[in-house]
């Protein structure tokens, strides 16, 4: 009887161990995909061209009668930007971008028909540019400290004159590139925070550039970002 009891005691843990389900493999860490960034930068100026203020004449040729000429330009200005992105793959991120600046719009009046002296009229604009686009990382190795990328997108530019006396809208597209520098810890090979430098060529059609065709303009920004 003692031998039987000992055998039963030994067999019971072995049977319980045999019924224990196999251990599940550990889950892979979740990859951070949502990126929020904020930064500031500088936008170059725009030359919007020369125009004549003219009246219809009653001469035989029907040529217009010029009252005066204007030369209009948009001055360079500082700007702030906010960005939200979603990392689709290790290379591709889609993003939306909002930039806000306050450039001066200056018009020089000259060649007055009554020989009045040339004058300049300046007003302050508030410029909102909302675009959607994407960036493509040219390298994704976690050993790289600086990651180059190219970018592109399009959206809407809105120009609000002082006192909201006039609001103009145009189409804004851009191409560019830059560098990303990760800081802090990484999870699943993706940095949770970092620095980003962008250089973009914006092409404005309409808005304050109405009638001037597609007007190119350079923009340089630096920003910090967090991923979640």
Protein backbone atom coordinates (compact mmCIF):
# COMPACT_ATOMS: atom_id res chain seq x y z
CA UNK A 1 0.00 0.00 0.00
CA UNK A 2 2.85 2.41 0.79
CA UNK A 3 4.42 1.75 -2.61
CA UNK A 4 1.07 2.43 -4.35
CA UNK A 5 0.62 5.74 -2.50
CA UNK A 6 4.13 6.87 -3.49
CA UNK A 7 3.54 5.96 -7.11
CA UNK A 8 0.25 7.90 -7.15
CA UNK A 9 1.93 10.97 -5.65
CA UNK A 10 4.61 10.92 -8.34
CA UNK A 11 2.16 10.39 -11.21
CA UNK A 12 -0.26 13.19 -10.23
CA UNK A 13 2.18 16.16 -10.81
CA UNK A 14 3.39 14.56 -14.03
CA UNK A 15 -0.17 14.31 -15.32
CA UNK A 16 -0.94 17.91 -14.32
CA UNK A 17 2.19 19.08 -16.11
CA UNK A 18 1.16 17.17 -19.22
CA UNK A 19 -2.24 18.92 -19.22
CA UNK A 20 -0.68 22.42 -18.90
CA UNK A 21 -1.21 24.43 -22.15
CA UNK A 22 1.92 25.45 -24.03
CA UNK A 23 3.26 28.93 -23.32
CA UNK A 24 2.25 31.63 -25.82
CA UNK A 25 5.03 33.42 -27.69
CA UNK A 26 5.55 37.03 -26.57
CA UNK A 27 3.73 39.68 -28.55
CA UNK A 28 5.71 41.91 -30.85
CA UNK A 29 5.93 45.51 -29.56
CA UNK A 30 3.44 47.93 -31.08
CA UNK A 31 4.98 50.16 -33.71
CA UNK A 32 4.39 53.90 -33.07
CA UNK A 33 2.66 55.32 -36.14
CA UNK A 34 1.08 58.71 -35.29
CA UNK A 35 3.49 61.64 -35.44
CA UNK A 36 2.85 65.14 -34.08
CA UNK A 37 5.28 67.98 -34.81
CA UNK A 38 5.60 71.71 -34.22
CA UNK A 39 8.21 74.13 -35.49
CA UNK A 40 9.09 77.45 -37.09
CA UNK A 41 10.95 78.71 -40.10
CA UNK A 42 11.29 81.30 -42.82
CA UNK A 43 9.48 81.83 -46.13
CA UNK A 44 11.04 83.69 -49.02
CA UNK A 45 9.43 86.57 -50.84
CA UNK A 46 7.42 86.69 -54.05
CA UNK A 47 7.63 89.09 -56.97
CA UNK A 48 4.07 89.44 -58.22
CA UNK A 49 4.87 91.48 -61.32
CA UNK A 50 3.96 94.83 -62.80
CA UNK A 51 0.49 95.97 -63.82
CA UNK A 52 -0.98 99.11 -65.32
CA UNK A 53 -4.08 100.89 -64.09
CA UNK A 54 -5.70 101.94 -67.36
CA UNK A 55 -8.89 103.32 -68.84
CA UNK A 56 -10.45 102.62 -72.21
CA UNK A 57 -9.63 105.41 -74.61
CA UNK A 58 -11.63 106.79 -77.52
CA UNK A 59 -8.69 107.11 -79.89
CA UNK A 60 -8.68 105.49 -83.32
CA UNK A 61 -6.47 102.59 -82.29
CA UNK A 62 -8.47 101.73 -79.17
CA UNK A 63 -5.34 101.44 -77.05
CA UNK A 64 -5.91 101.87 -73.27
CA UNK A 65 -5.01 105.07 -71.46
CA UNK A 66 -2.57 104.34 -68.60
CA UNK A 67 -3.17 106.16 -65.33
CA UNK A 68 -0.20 104.69 -63.42
CA UNK A 69 1.86 101.47 -63.04
CA UNK A 70 2.17 99.19 -60.02
CA UNK A 71 4.92 96.78 -59.00
CA UNK A 72 3.78 94.41 -56.23
CA UNK A 73 5.86 92.07 -54.07
CA UNK A 74 5.35 89.88 -51.02
CA UNK A 75 8.13 90.28 -48.48
CA UNK A 76 9.98 87.37 -46.79
CA UNK A 77 8.53 86.48 -43.38
CA UNK A 78 8.89 84.17 -40.39
CA UNK A 79 6.30 81.43 -39.95
CA UNK A 80 5.15 78.74 -37.54
CA UNK A 81 3.97 75.28 -38.54
CA UNK A 82 2.09 72.33 -37.08
CA UNK A 83 2.11 68.84 -38.53
CA UNK A 84 0.30 65.53 -37.99
CA UNK A 85 1.41 62.38 -39.80
CA UNK A 86 0.75 58.65 -40.00
CA UNK A 87 3.55 56.21 -40.73
CA UNK A 88 2.18 53.76 -43.29
CA UNK A 89 5.44 51.82 -43.76
CA UNK A 90 9.01 52.18 -42.57
CA UNK A 91 9.64 54.41 -45.62
CA UNK A 92 6.29 56.16 -46.24
CA UNK A 93 4.53 58.69 -44.00
CA UNK A 94 1.43 60.65 -45.03
CA UNK A 95 0.93 63.99 -43.30
CA UNK A 96 -1.06 67.19 -43.06
CA UNK A 97 0.66 70.54 -42.57
CA UNK A 98 -0.51 73.98 -41.42
CA UNK A 99 1.77 77.03 -41.69
CA UNK A 100 0.93 80.55 -40.55
CA UNK A 101 2.91 83.70 -41.39
CA UNK A 102 2.44 87.49 -41.52
CA UNK A 103 4.27 88.90 -44.55
CA UNK A 104 4.08 92.47 -45.83
CA UNK A 105 2.50 93.14 -49.22
CA UNK A 106 4.05 96.21 -50.88
CA UNK A 107 2.88 97.94 -54.06
CA UNK A 108 5.05 100.63 -55.69
CA UNK A 109 3.09 103.17 -57.75
CA UNK A 110 4.94 104.98 -60.52
CA UNK A 111 4.57 106.47 -64.04
CA UNK A 112 1.59 108.55 -62.99
CA UNK A 113 -0.05 110.32 -65.91
CA UNK A 114 -0.12 113.58 -63.91
CA UNK A 115 3.59 113.24 -63.02
CA UNK A 116 2.90 112.58 -59.35
CA UNK A 117 5.93 111.28 -57.38
CA UNK A 118 6.32 107.53 -56.98
CA UNK A 119 4.91 106.16 -53.71
CA UNK A 120 4.75 102.81 -51.91
CA UNK A 121 1.73 101.31 -50.16
CA UNK A 122 2.32 98.52 -47.65
CA UNK A 123 -0.18 96.30 -45.83
CA UNK A 124 0.24 93.32 -43.53
CA UNK A 125 -1.25 89.96 -44.54
CA UNK A 126 -1.99 86.87 -42.49
CA UNK A 127 -1.16 83.84 -44.61
CA UNK A 128 -2.56 80.38 -43.89
CA UNK A 129 -1.31 77.42 -45.94
CA UNK A 130 -2.97 74.02 -45.41
CA UNK A 131 -1.49 71.11 -47.37
CA UNK A 132 -1.64 67.34 -47.48
CA UNK A 133 1.35 65.32 -48.64
CA UNK A 134 3.81 62.57 -47.90
CA UNK A 135 7.47 61.97 -47.13
CA UNK A 136 9.60 59.04 -48.26
CA UNK A 137 12.55 58.07 -46.06
CA UNK A 138 15.52 57.15 -48.23
CA UNK A 139 17.03 55.02 -45.45
CA UNK A 140 15.52 53.25 -42.43
CA UNK A 141 18.52 51.69 -40.70
CA UNK A 142 18.36 52.27 -36.89
CA UNK A 143 22.14 52.76 -36.92
CA UNK A 144 21.84 55.98 -38.93
CA UNK A 145 21.67 59.16 -36.90
CA UNK A 146 20.54 61.39 -39.80
CA UNK A 147 17.83 60.01 -42.10
CA UNK A 148 17.32 61.83 -45.43
CA UNK A 149 13.86 62.07 -47.01
CA UNK A 150 12.01 63.63 -49.94
CA UNK A 151 8.55 65.19 -49.70
CA UNK A 152 5.72 66.53 -51.80
CA UNK A 153 2.11 67.65 -51.54
CA UNK A 154 -0.52 70.27 -52.35
CA UNK A 155 -3.23 72.29 -50.68
CA UNK A 156 -4.79 75.73 -50.24
CA UNK A 157 -3.21 79.11 -49.45
CA UNK A 158 -5.43 81.77 -47.88
CA UNK A 159 -4.39 85.42 -47.60
CA UNK A 160 -6.28 87.70 -45.20
CA UNK A 161 -5.58 91.44 -45.56
CA UNK A 162 -5.46 93.84 -42.63
CA UNK A 163 -8.86 94.38 -41.05
CA UNK A 164 -10.17 91.44 -43.11
CA UNK A 165 -10.93 93.92 -45.88
CA UNK A 166 -10.08 91.26 -48.47
CA UNK A 167 -9.61 87.49 -48.34
CA UNK A 168 -7.96 85.72 -51.28
CA UNK A 169 -7.46 81.98 -51.85
CA UNK A 170 -5.10 80.10 -54.15
CA UNK A 171 -3.63 76.67 -54.80
CA UNK A 172 -0.26 75.83 -53.24
CA UNK A 173 1.89 72.82 -54.18
CA UNK A 174 5.36 71.90 -52.98
CA UNK A 175 8.30 69.54 -53.42
CA UNK A 176 11.26 69.27 -51.10
CA UNK A 177 13.38 67.18 -48.79
CA UNK A 178 15.22 67.22 -45.51
CA UNK A 179 16.75 65.29 -42.63
CA UNK A 180 15.39 63.55 -39.54
CA UNK A 181 17.47 63.15 -36.38
CA UNK A 182 16.05 60.76 -33.73
CA UNK A 183 16.43 61.55 -30.03
CA UNK A 184 15.47 59.56 -26.94
CA UNK A 185 14.56 55.88 -26.78
CA UNK A 186 13.33 53.75 -29.66
CA UNK A 187 10.50 51.23 -29.79
CA UNK A 188 10.14 48.64 -32.56
CA UNK A 189 12.93 50.43 -34.41
CA UNK A 190 11.02 53.76 -34.48
CA UNK A 191 12.23 56.80 -32.53
CA UNK A 192 9.68 58.25 -30.10
CA UNK A 193 10.97 61.79 -30.59
CA UNK A 194 13.26 63.65 -32.93
CA UNK A 195 14.29 66.74 -34.81
CA UNK A 196 13.39 67.46 -38.41
CA UNK A 197 14.72 69.97 -40.94
CA UNK A 198 12.71 70.72 -44.11
CA UNK A 199 13.56 72.66 -47.28
CA UNK A 200 10.63 73.05 -49.68
CA UNK A 201 9.88 74.83 -52.94
CA UNK A 202 6.29 76.08 -52.88
CA UNK A 203 4.45 77.03 -56.07
CA UNK A 204 1.54 79.43 -55.56
CA UNK A 205 -1.19 79.89 -58.14
CA UNK A 206 -3.88 82.45 -57.31
CA UNK A 207 -4.37 84.28 -54.03
CA UNK A 208 -2.17 87.38 -53.86
CA UNK A 209 -0.41 86.02 -56.98
CA UNK A 210 -3.60 86.15 -59.07
CA UNK A 211 -2.67 86.96 -62.65
CA UNK A 212 1.05 86.32 -62.07
CA UNK A 213 0.93 82.65 -63.05
CA UNK A 214 2.68 80.02 -60.94
CA UNK A 215 4.96 81.83 -58.47
CA UNK A 216 7.81 79.81 -56.83
CA UNK A 217 8.81 80.47 -53.24
CA UNK A 218 11.35 78.81 -50.94
CA UNK A 219 10.54 77.74 -47.37
CA UNK A 220 12.95 76.41 -44.71
CA UNK A 221 11.69 75.07 -41.35
CA UNK A 222 12.92 73.19 -38.31
CA UNK A 223 10.67 71.24 -35.96
CA UNK A 224 10.48 68.74 -33.12
CA UNK A 225 8.17 65.72 -33.22
CA UNK A 226 6.77 62.94 -31.05
CA UNK A 227 5.44 59.54 -32.20
CA UNK A 228 2.67 57.55 -30.49
